[in-house]
Amino acid sequence: MAWDVLQCARQLVAADIVAEWVMTDADTYAALVPFNMVQSVRFYGLDHPIRAAMHQLLGGGADDEVKARASQILEALRKAY
């Protein structure tokens, strides 16, 4: 529910939260399934900030697992409405 509130309020901090989720441990990431939570971010104007956060992770010194997760989020953003 908190994620929905952030989206509806169009809070840019949502991008930071997605980045935190991407960098969490595998079990937490699997439980959150954040790539399913970004399906409507374009409607709320959050797709560009989240996309920028994911590109920042991809361009940084992140490990391969984090880069794979960031790519998952980017793919979900491409399909978002």
PDB file of N, CA and C in Angstrom:
ATOM      1  N   MET A   1       0.816  -1.200   0.000  1.00  0.00           N
ATOM      2  CA  MET A   1       0.000   0.000   0.000  1.00  0.00           C
ATOM      3  C   MET A   1       0.856   1.259   0.000  1.00  0.00           C
ATOM      4  N   ALA A   2       1.991   1.205   0.694  1.00  0.00           N
ATOM      5  CA  ALA A   2       2.857   2.382   0.755  1.00  0.00           C
ATOM      6  C   ALA A   2       3.364   2.754  -0.638  1.00  0.00           C
ATOM      7  N   TRP A   3       3.677   1.746  -1.440  1.00  0.00           N
ATOM      8  CA  TRP A   3       4.131   2.016  -2.803  1.00  0.00           C
ATOM      9  C   TRP A   3       3.047   2.728  -3.596  1.00  0.00           C
ATOM     10  N   ASP A   4       1.812   2.291  -3.463  1.00  0.00           N
ATOM     11  CA  ASP A   4       0.703   2.927  -4.167  1.00  0.00           C
ATOM     12  C   ASP A   4       0.545   4.383  -3.744  1.00  0.00           C
ATOM     13  N   VAL A   5       0.718   4.659  -2.458  1.00  0.00           N
ATOM     14  CA  VAL A   5       0.619   6.034  -1.968  1.00  0.00           C
ATOM     15  C   VAL A   5       1.713   6.894  -2.589  1.00  0.00           C
ATOM     16  N   LEU A   6       2.939   6.375  -2.626  1.00  0.00           N
ATOM     17  CA  LEU A   6       4.036   7.127  -3.245  1.00  0.00           C
ATOM     18  C   LEU A   6       3.760   7.417  -4.712  1.00  0.00           C
ATOM     19  N   GLN A   7       3.245   6.427  -5.424  1.00  0.00           N
ATOM     20  CA  GLN A   7       2.928   6.628  -6.839  1.00  0.00           C
ATOM     21  C   GLN A   7       1.851   7.685  -7.007  1.00  0.00           C
ATOM     22  N   CYS A   8       0.773   7.545  -6.267  1.00  0.00           N
ATOM     23  CA  CYS A   8      -0.338   8.487  -6.399  1.00  0.00           C
ATOM     24  C   CYS A   8       0.075   9.908  -6.029  1.00  0.00           C
ATOM     25  N   ALA A   9       0.989  10.027  -5.075  1.00  0.00           N
ATOM     26  CA  ALA A   9       1.476  11.339  -4.671  1.00  0.00           C
ATOM     27  C   ALA A   9       2.574  11.846  -5.609  1.00  0.00           C
ATOM     28  N   ARG A  10       2.944  11.005  -6.563  1.00  0.00           N
ATOM     29  CA  ARG A  10       3.964  11.354  -7.556  1.00  0.00           C
ATOM     30  C   ARG A  10       5.274  11.782  -6.892  1.00  0.00           C
ATOM     31  N   GLN A  11       5.642  11.041  -5.872  1.00  0.00           N
ATOM     32  CA  GLN A  11       6.857  11.329  -5.112  1.00  0.00           C
ATOM     33  C   GLN A  11       8.087  10.769  -5.829  1.00  0.00           C
ATOM     34  N   LEU A  12       9.037  11.631  -6.115  1.00  0.00           N
ATOM     35  CA  LEU A  12      10.240  11.213  -6.827  1.00  0.00           C
ATOM     36  C   LEU A  12      11.118  10.286  -5.989  1.00  0.00           C
ATOM     37  N   VAL A  13      10.896  10.263  -4.696  1.00  0.00           N
ATOM     38  CA  VAL A  13      11.635   9.353  -3.823  1.00  0.00           C
ATOM     39  C   VAL A  13      11.359   7.895  -4.197  1.00  0.00           C
ATOM     40  N   ALA A  14      10.317   7.664  -4.947  1.00  0.00           N
ATOM     41  CA  ALA A  14       9.994   6.309  -5.404  1.00  0.00           C
ATOM     42  C   ALA A  14      11.159   5.722  -6.206  1.00  0.00           C
ATOM     43  N   ALA A  15      11.856   6.548  -6.964  1.00  0.00           N
ATOM     44  CA  ALA A  15      13.012   6.059  -7.733  1.00  0.00           C
ATOM     45  C   ALA A  15      14.107   5.571  -6.801  1.00  0.00           C
ATOM     46  N   ASP A  16      14.327   6.284  -5.716  1.00  0.00           N
ATOM     47  CA  ASP A  16      15.336   5.865  -4.731  1.00  0.00           C
ATOM     48  C   ASP A  16      14.942   4.556  -4.070  1.00  0.00           C
ATOM     49  N   ILE A  17      13.664   4.399  -3.829  1.00  0.00           N
ATOM     50  CA  ILE A  17      13.178   3.179  -3.191  1.00  0.00           C
ATOM     51  C   ILE A  17      13.361   1.978  -4.113  1.00  0.00           C
ATOM     52  N   VAL A  18      13.044   2.139  -5.385  1.00  0.00           N
ATOM     53  CA  VAL A  18      13.246   1.041  -6.338  1.00  0.00           C
ATOM     54  C   VAL A  18      14.727   0.686  -6.406  1.00  0.00           C
ATOM     55  N   ALA A  19      15.597   1.696  -6.415  1.00  0.00           N
ATOM     56  CA  ALA A  19      17.045   1.434  -6.437  1.00  0.00           C
ATOM     57  C   ALA A  19      17.472   0.663  -5.188  1.00  0.00           C
ATOM     58  N   GLU A  20      16.914   1.010  -4.048  1.00  0.00           N
ATOM     59  CA  GLU A  20      17.223   0.271  -2.801  1.00  0.00           C
ATOM     60  C   GLU A  20      16.774  -1.176  -2.922  1.00  0.00           C
ATOM     61  N   TRP A  21      15.589  -1.385  -3.480  1.00  0.00           N
ATOM     62  CA  TRP A  21      15.078  -2.753  -3.645  1.00  0.00           C
ATOM     63  C   TRP A  21      15.986  -3.561  -4.560  1.00  0.00           C
ATOM     64  N   VAL A  22      16.474  -2.926  -5.620  1.00  0.00           N
ATOM     65  CA  VAL A  22      17.339  -3.621  -6.568  1.00  0.00           C
ATOM     66  C   VAL A  22      18.644  -4.047  -5.897  1.00  0.00           C
ATOM     67  N   MET A  23      19.108  -3.252  -4.947  1.00  0.00           N
ATOM     68  CA  MET A  23      20.381  -3.540  -4.292  1.00  0.00           C
ATOM     69  C   MET A  23      20.252  -4.436  -3.056  1.00  0.00           C
ATOM     70  N   THR A  24      19.039  -4.838  -2.708  1.00  0.00           N
ATOM     71  CA  THR A  24      18.862  -5.689  -1.528  1.00  0.00           C
ATOM     72  C   THR A  24      19.343  -7.107  -1.802  1.00  0.00           C
ATOM     73  N   ASP A  25      19.279  -7.920  -0.761  1.00  0.00           N
ATOM     74  CA  ASP A  25      19.666  -9.324  -0.927  1.00  0.00           C
ATOM     75  C   ASP A  25      18.631 -10.059  -1.782  1.00  0.00           C
ATOM     76  N   ALA A  26      19.004 -11.214  -2.268  1.00  0.00           N
ATOM     77  CA  ALA A  26      18.179 -11.966  -3.217  1.00  0.00           C
ATOM     78  C   ALA A  26      16.815 -12.338  -2.642  1.00  0.00           C
ATOM     79  N   ASP A  27      16.783 -12.730  -1.369  1.00  0.00           N
ATOM     80  CA  ASP A  27      15.508 -13.135  -0.771  1.00  0.00           C
ATOM     81  C   ASP A  27      14.537 -11.965  -0.661  1.00  0.00           C
ATOM     82  N   THR A  28      15.033 -10.822  -0.234  1.00  0.00           N
ATOM     83  CA  THR A  28      14.172  -9.639  -0.119  1.00  0.00           C
ATOM     84  C   THR A  28      13.676  -9.204  -1.490  1.00  0.00           C
ATOM     85  N   TYR A  29      14.575  -9.205  -2.463  1.00  0.00           N
ATOM     86  CA  TYR A  29      14.192  -8.818  -3.820  1.00  0.00           C
ATOM     87  C   TYR A  29      13.114  -9.754  -4.363  1.00  0.00           C
ATOM     88  N   ALA A  30      13.299 -11.044  -4.140  1.00  0.00           N
ATOM     89  CA  ALA A  30      12.324 -12.023  -4.620  1.00  0.00           C
ATOM     90  C   ALA A  30      10.972 -11.838  -3.931  1.00  0.00           C
ATOM     91  N   ALA A  31      10.987 -11.459  -2.669  1.00  0.00           N
ATOM     92  CA  ALA A  31       9.736 -11.250  -1.938  1.00  0.00           C
ATOM     93  C   ALA A  31       9.017  -9.984  -2.408  1.00  0.00           C
ATOM     94  N   LEU A  32       9.780  -8.962  -2.743  1.00  0.00           N
ATOM     95  CA  LEU A  32       9.179  -7.692  -3.169  1.00  0.00           C
ATOM     96  C   LEU A  32       8.687  -7.729  -4.608  1.00  0.00           C
ATOM     97  N   VAL A  33       9.392  -8.429  -5.481  1.00  0.00           N
ATOM     98  CA  VAL A  33       9.097  -8.498  -6.909  1.00  0.00           C
ATOM     99  C   VAL A  33       8.845  -7.092  -7.470  1.00  0.00           C
ATOM    100  N   PRO A  34       9.834  -6.187  -7.345  1.00  0.00           N
ATOM    101  CA  PRO A  34       9.604  -4.800  -7.749  1.00  0.00           C
ATOM    102  C   PRO A  34       9.308  -4.601  -9.223  1.00  0.00           C
ATOM    103  N   PHE A  35       9.763  -5.515 -10.087  1.00  0.00           N
ATOM    104  CA  PHE A  35       9.475  -5.306 -11.515  1.00  0.00           C
ATOM    105  C   PHE A  35       7.990  -5.418 -11.798  1.00  0.00           C
ATOM    106  N   ASN A  36       7.227  -6.043 -10.918  1.00  0.00           N
ATOM    107  CA  ASN A  36       5.770  -6.076 -11.062  1.00  0.00           C
ATOM    108  C   ASN A  36       5.117  -4.827 -10.488  1.00  0.00           C
ATOM    109  N   MET A  37       5.850  -4.085  -9.677  1.00  0.00           N
ATOM    110  CA  MET A  37       5.282  -2.915  -9.018  1.00  0.00           C
ATOM    111  C   MET A  37       5.430  -1.641  -9.841  1.00  0.00           C
ATOM    112  N   VAL A  38       6.123  -1.700 -10.950  1.00  0.00           N
ATOM    113  CA  VAL A  38       6.332  -0.500 -11.763  1.00  0.00           C
ATOM    114  C   VAL A  38       5.453  -0.484 -13.006  1.00  0.00           C
ATOM    115  N   GLN A  39       4.395  -1.240 -12.985  1.00  0.00           N
ATOM    116  CA  GLN A  39       3.544  -1.369 -14.166  1.00  0.00           C
ATOM    117  C   GLN A  39       2.802  -0.083 -14.536  1.00  0.00           C
ATOM    118  N   SER A  40       2.534   0.778 -13.557  1.00  0.00           N
ATOM    119  CA  SER A  40       1.764   1.986 -13.858  1.00  0.00           C
ATOM    120  C   SER A  40       2.528   3.272 -13.546  1.00  0.00           C
ATOM    121  N   VAL A  41       3.842   3.192 -13.421  1.00  0.00           N
ATOM    122  CA  VAL A  41       4.610   4.380 -13.046  1.00  0.00           C
ATOM    123  C   VAL A  41       4.583   5.464 -14.118  1.00  0.00           C
ATOM    124  N   ARG A  42       4.440   5.092 -15.363  1.00  0.00           N
ATOM    125  CA  ARG A  42       4.386   6.102 -16.431  1.00  0.00           C
ATOM    126  C   ARG A  42       3.181   7.021 -16.238  1.00  0.00           C
ATOM    127  N   PHE A  43       2.067   6.460 -15.828  1.00  0.00           N
ATOM    128  CA  PHE A  43       0.860   7.255 -15.569  1.00  0.00           C
ATOM    129  C   PHE A  43       1.131   8.320 -14.507  1.00  0.00           C
ATOM    130  N   TYR A  44       1.942   7.978 -13.522  1.00  0.00           N
ATOM    131  CA  TYR A  44       2.228   8.890 -12.412  1.00  0.00           C
ATOM    132  C   TYR A  44       3.464   9.755 -12.651  1.00  0.00           C
ATOM    133  N   GLY A  45       4.076   9.637 -13.807  1.00  0.00           N
ATOM    134  CA  GLY A  45       5.230  10.460 -14.135  1.00  0.00           C
ATOM    135  C   GLY A  45       6.513  10.043 -13.429  1.00  0.00           C
ATOM    136  N   LEU A  46       6.589   8.790 -13.024  1.00  0.00           N
ATOM    137  CA  LEU A  46       7.757   8.314 -12.287  1.00  0.00           C
ATOM    138  C   LEU A  46       8.686   7.449 -13.131  1.00  0.00           C
ATOM    139  N   ASP A  47       8.320   7.230 -14.381  1.00  0.00           N
ATOM    140  CA  ASP A  47       9.139   6.338 -15.206  1.00  0.00           C
ATOM    141  C   ASP A  47      10.522   6.914 -15.480  1.00  0.00           C
ATOM    142  N   HIS A  48      10.625   8.195 -15.758  1.00  0.00           N
ATOM    143  CA  HIS A  48      11.930   8.782 -16.059  1.00  0.00           C
ATOM    144  C   HIS A  48      12.863   8.787 -14.844  1.00  0.00           C
ATOM    145  N   PRO A  49      12.384   9.177 -13.656  1.00  0.00           N
ATOM    146  CA  PRO A  49      13.287   9.112 -12.495  1.00  0.00           C
ATOM    147  C   PRO A  49      13.728   7.688 -12.168  1.00  0.00           C
ATOM    148  N   ILE A  50      12.835   6.726 -12.296  1.00  0.00           N
ATOM    149  CA  ILE A  50      13.206   5.335 -12.011  1.00  0.00           C
ATOM    150  C   ILE A  50      14.180   4.832 -13.076  1.00  0.00           C
ATOM    151  N   ARG A  51      13.930   5.184 -14.314  1.00  0.00           N
ATOM    152  CA  ARG A  51      14.834   4.797 -15.402  1.00  0.00           C
ATOM    153  C   ARG A  51      16.235   5.372 -15.154  1.00  0.00           C
ATOM    154  N   ALA A  52      16.304   6.639 -14.744  1.00  0.00           N
ATOM    155  CA  ALA A  52      17.600   7.277 -14.471  1.00  0.00           C
ATOM    156  C   ALA A  52      18.322   6.569 -13.324  1.00  0.00           C
ATOM    157  N   ALA A  53      17.569   6.183 -12.293  1.00  0.00           N
ATOM    158  CA  ALA A  53      18.176   5.475 -11.159  1.00  0.00           C
ATOM    159  C   ALA A  53      18.728   4.121 -11.592  1.00  0.00           C
ATOM    160  N   MET A  54      18.008   3.430 -12.470  1.00  0.00           N
ATOM    161  CA  MET A  54      18.480   2.122 -12.934  1.00  0.00           C
ATOM    162  C   MET A  54      19.717   2.267 -13.819  1.00  0.00           C
ATOM    163  N   HIS A  55      19.752   3.294 -14.659  1.00  0.00           N
ATOM    164  CA  HIS A  55      20.923   3.524 -15.501  1.00  0.00           C
ATOM    165  C   HIS A  55      22.134   3.903 -14.655  1.00  0.00           C
ATOM    166  N   GLN A  56      21.882   4.618 -13.573  1.00  0.00           N
ATOM    167  CA  GLN A  56      22.974   4.959 -12.661  1.00  0.00           C
ATOM    168  C   GLN A  56      23.563   3.689 -12.042  1.00  0.00           C
ATOM    169  N   LEU A  57      22.702   2.748 -11.669  1.00  0.00           N
ATOM    170  CA  LEU A  57      23.190   1.481 -11.127  1.00  0.00           C
ATOM    171  C   LEU A  57      23.968   0.696 -12.181  1.00  0.00           C
ATOM    172  N   LEU A  58      23.465   0.690 -13.406  1.00  0.00           N
ATOM    173  CA  LEU A  58      24.143  -0.033 -14.481  1.00  0.00           C
ATOM    174  C   LEU A  58      25.504   0.578 -14.812  1.00  0.00           C
ATOM    175  N   GLY A  59      25.607   1.885 -14.695  1.00  0.00           N
ATOM    176  CA  GLY A  59      26.853   2.566 -15.011  1.00  0.00           C
ATOM    177  C   GLY A  59      27.852   2.566 -13.871  1.00  0.00           C
ATOM    178  N   GLY A  60      27.376   2.249 -12.676  1.00  0.00           N
ATOM    179  CA  GLY A  60      28.258   2.245 -11.518  1.00  0.00           C
ATOM    180  C   GLY A  60      28.975   0.926 -11.357  1.00  0.00           C
ATOM    181  N   GLY A  61      29.534   0.735 -10.203  1.00  0.00           N
ATOM    182  CA  GLY A  61      30.303  -0.472  -9.929  1.00  0.00           C
ATOM    183  C   GLY A  61      29.478  -1.590  -9.332  1.00  0.00           C
ATOM    184  N   ALA A  62      28.227  -1.695  -9.717  1.00  0.00           N
ATOM    185  CA  ALA A  62      27.349  -2.733  -9.172  1.00  0.00           C
ATOM    186  C   ALA A  62      27.770  -4.111  -9.665  1.00  0.00           C
ATOM    187  N   ASP A  63      27.439  -5.119  -8.863  1.00  0.00           N
ATOM    188  CA  ASP A  63      27.763  -6.483  -9.282  1.00  0.00           C
ATOM    189  C   ASP A  63      26.771  -6.960 -10.342  1.00  0.00           C
ATOM    190  N   ASP A  64      27.033  -8.113 -10.904  1.00  0.00           N
ATOM    191  CA  ASP A  64      26.224  -8.626 -12.012  1.00  0.00           C
ATOM    192  C   ASP A  64      24.773  -8.879 -11.610  1.00  0.00           C
ATOM    193  N   GLU A  65      24.548  -9.311 -10.375  1.00  0.00           N
ATOM    194  CA  GLU A  65      23.181  -9.573  -9.916  1.00  0.00           C
ATOM    195  C   GLU A  65      22.374  -8.281  -9.873  1.00  0.00           C
ATOM    196  N   VAL A  66      22.963  -7.223  -9.347  1.00  0.00           N
ATOM    197  CA  VAL A  66      22.280  -5.929  -9.287  1.00  0.00           C
ATOM    198  C   VAL A  66      22.033  -5.405 -10.698  1.00  0.00           C
ATOM    199  N   LYS A  67      23.003  -5.567 -11.579  1.00  0.00           N
ATOM    200  CA  LYS A  67      22.813  -5.117 -12.960  1.00  0.00           C
ATOM    201  C   LYS A  67      21.692  -5.893 -13.655  1.00  0.00           C
ATOM    202  N   ALA A  68      21.591  -7.181 -13.368  1.00  0.00           N
ATOM    203  CA  ALA A  68      20.507  -7.983 -13.949  1.00  0.00           C
ATOM    204  C   ALA A  68      19.153  -7.514 -13.429  1.00  0.00           C
ATOM    205  N   ARG A  69      19.091  -7.195 -12.146  1.00  0.00           N
ATOM    206  CA  ARG A  69      17.836  -6.695 -11.569  1.00  0.00           C
ATOM    207  C   ARG A  69      17.466  -5.339 -12.160  1.00  0.00           C
ATOM    208  N   ALA A  70      18.459  -4.453 -12.301  1.00  0.00           N
ATOM    209  CA  ALA A  70      18.205  -3.136 -12.894  1.00  0.00           C
ATOM    210  C   ALA A  70      17.691  -3.294 -14.319  1.00  0.00           C
ATOM    211  N   SER A  71      18.238  -4.243 -15.038  1.00  0.00           N
ATOM    212  CA  SER A  71      17.767  -4.511 -16.398  1.00  0.00           C
ATOM    213  C   SER A  71      16.328  -5.018 -16.388  1.00  0.00           C
ATOM    214  N   GLN A  72      15.985  -5.834 -15.386  1.00  0.00           N
ATOM    215  CA  GLN A  72      14.597  -6.309 -15.238  1.00  0.00           C
ATOM    216  C   GLN A  72      13.651  -5.133 -15.038  1.00  0.00           C
ATOM    217  N   ILE A  73      14.049  -4.201 -14.194  1.00  0.00           N
ATOM    218  CA  ILE A  73      13.221  -3.022 -13.941  1.00  0.00           C
ATOM    219  C   ILE A  73      13.080  -2.202 -15.220  1.00  0.00           C
ATOM    220  N   LEU A  74      14.181  -2.013 -15.948  1.00  0.00           N
ATOM    221  CA  LEU A  74      14.113  -1.251 -17.196  1.00  0.00           C
ATOM    222  C   LEU A  74      13.189  -1.912 -18.211  1.00  0.00           C
ATOM    223  N   GLU A  75      13.242  -3.226 -18.285  1.00  0.00           N
ATOM    224  CA  GLU A  75      12.335  -3.949 -19.190  1.00  0.00           C
ATOM    225  C   GLU A  75      10.882  -3.744 -18.769  1.00  0.00           C
ATOM    226  N   ALA A  76      10.622  -3.814 -17.481  1.00  0.00           N
ATOM    227  CA  ALA A  76       9.263  -3.587 -16.974  1.00  0.00           C
ATOM    228  C   ALA A  76       8.808  -2.159 -17.262  1.00  0.00           C
ATOM    229  N   LEU A  77       9.728  -1.201 -17.177  1.00  0.00           N
ATOM    230  CA  LEU A  77       9.377   0.187 -17.493  1.00  0.00           C
ATOM    231  C   LEU A  77       9.018   0.362 -18.955  1.00  0.00           C
ATOM    232  N   ARG A  78       9.710  -0.364 -19.820  1.00  0.00           N
ATOM    233  CA  ARG A  78       9.389  -0.289 -21.254  1.00  0.00           C
ATOM    234  C   ARG A  78       7.974  -0.771 -21.532  1.00  0.00           C
ATOM    235  N   LYS A  79       7.497  -1.695 -20.712  1.00  0.00           N
ATOM    236  CA  LYS A  79       6.163  -2.257 -20.889  1.00  0.00           C
ATOM    237  C   LYS A  79       5.095  -1.539 -20.063  1.00  0.00           C
ATOM    238  N   ALA A  80       5.530  -0.617 -19.206  1.00  0.00           N
ATOM    239  CA  ALA A  80       4.594   0.056 -18.283  1.00  0.00           C
ATOM    240  C   ALA A  80       3.635   0.950 -19.042  1.00  0.00           C
ATOM    241  N   TYR A  81       2.535   1.222 -18.417  1.00  0.00           N
ATOM    242  CA  TYR A  81       1.549   2.143 -18.991  1.00  0.00           C
ATOM    243  C   TYR A  81       1.422   3.374 -18.136  1.00  0.00           C
TER     244      TYR A  81
END
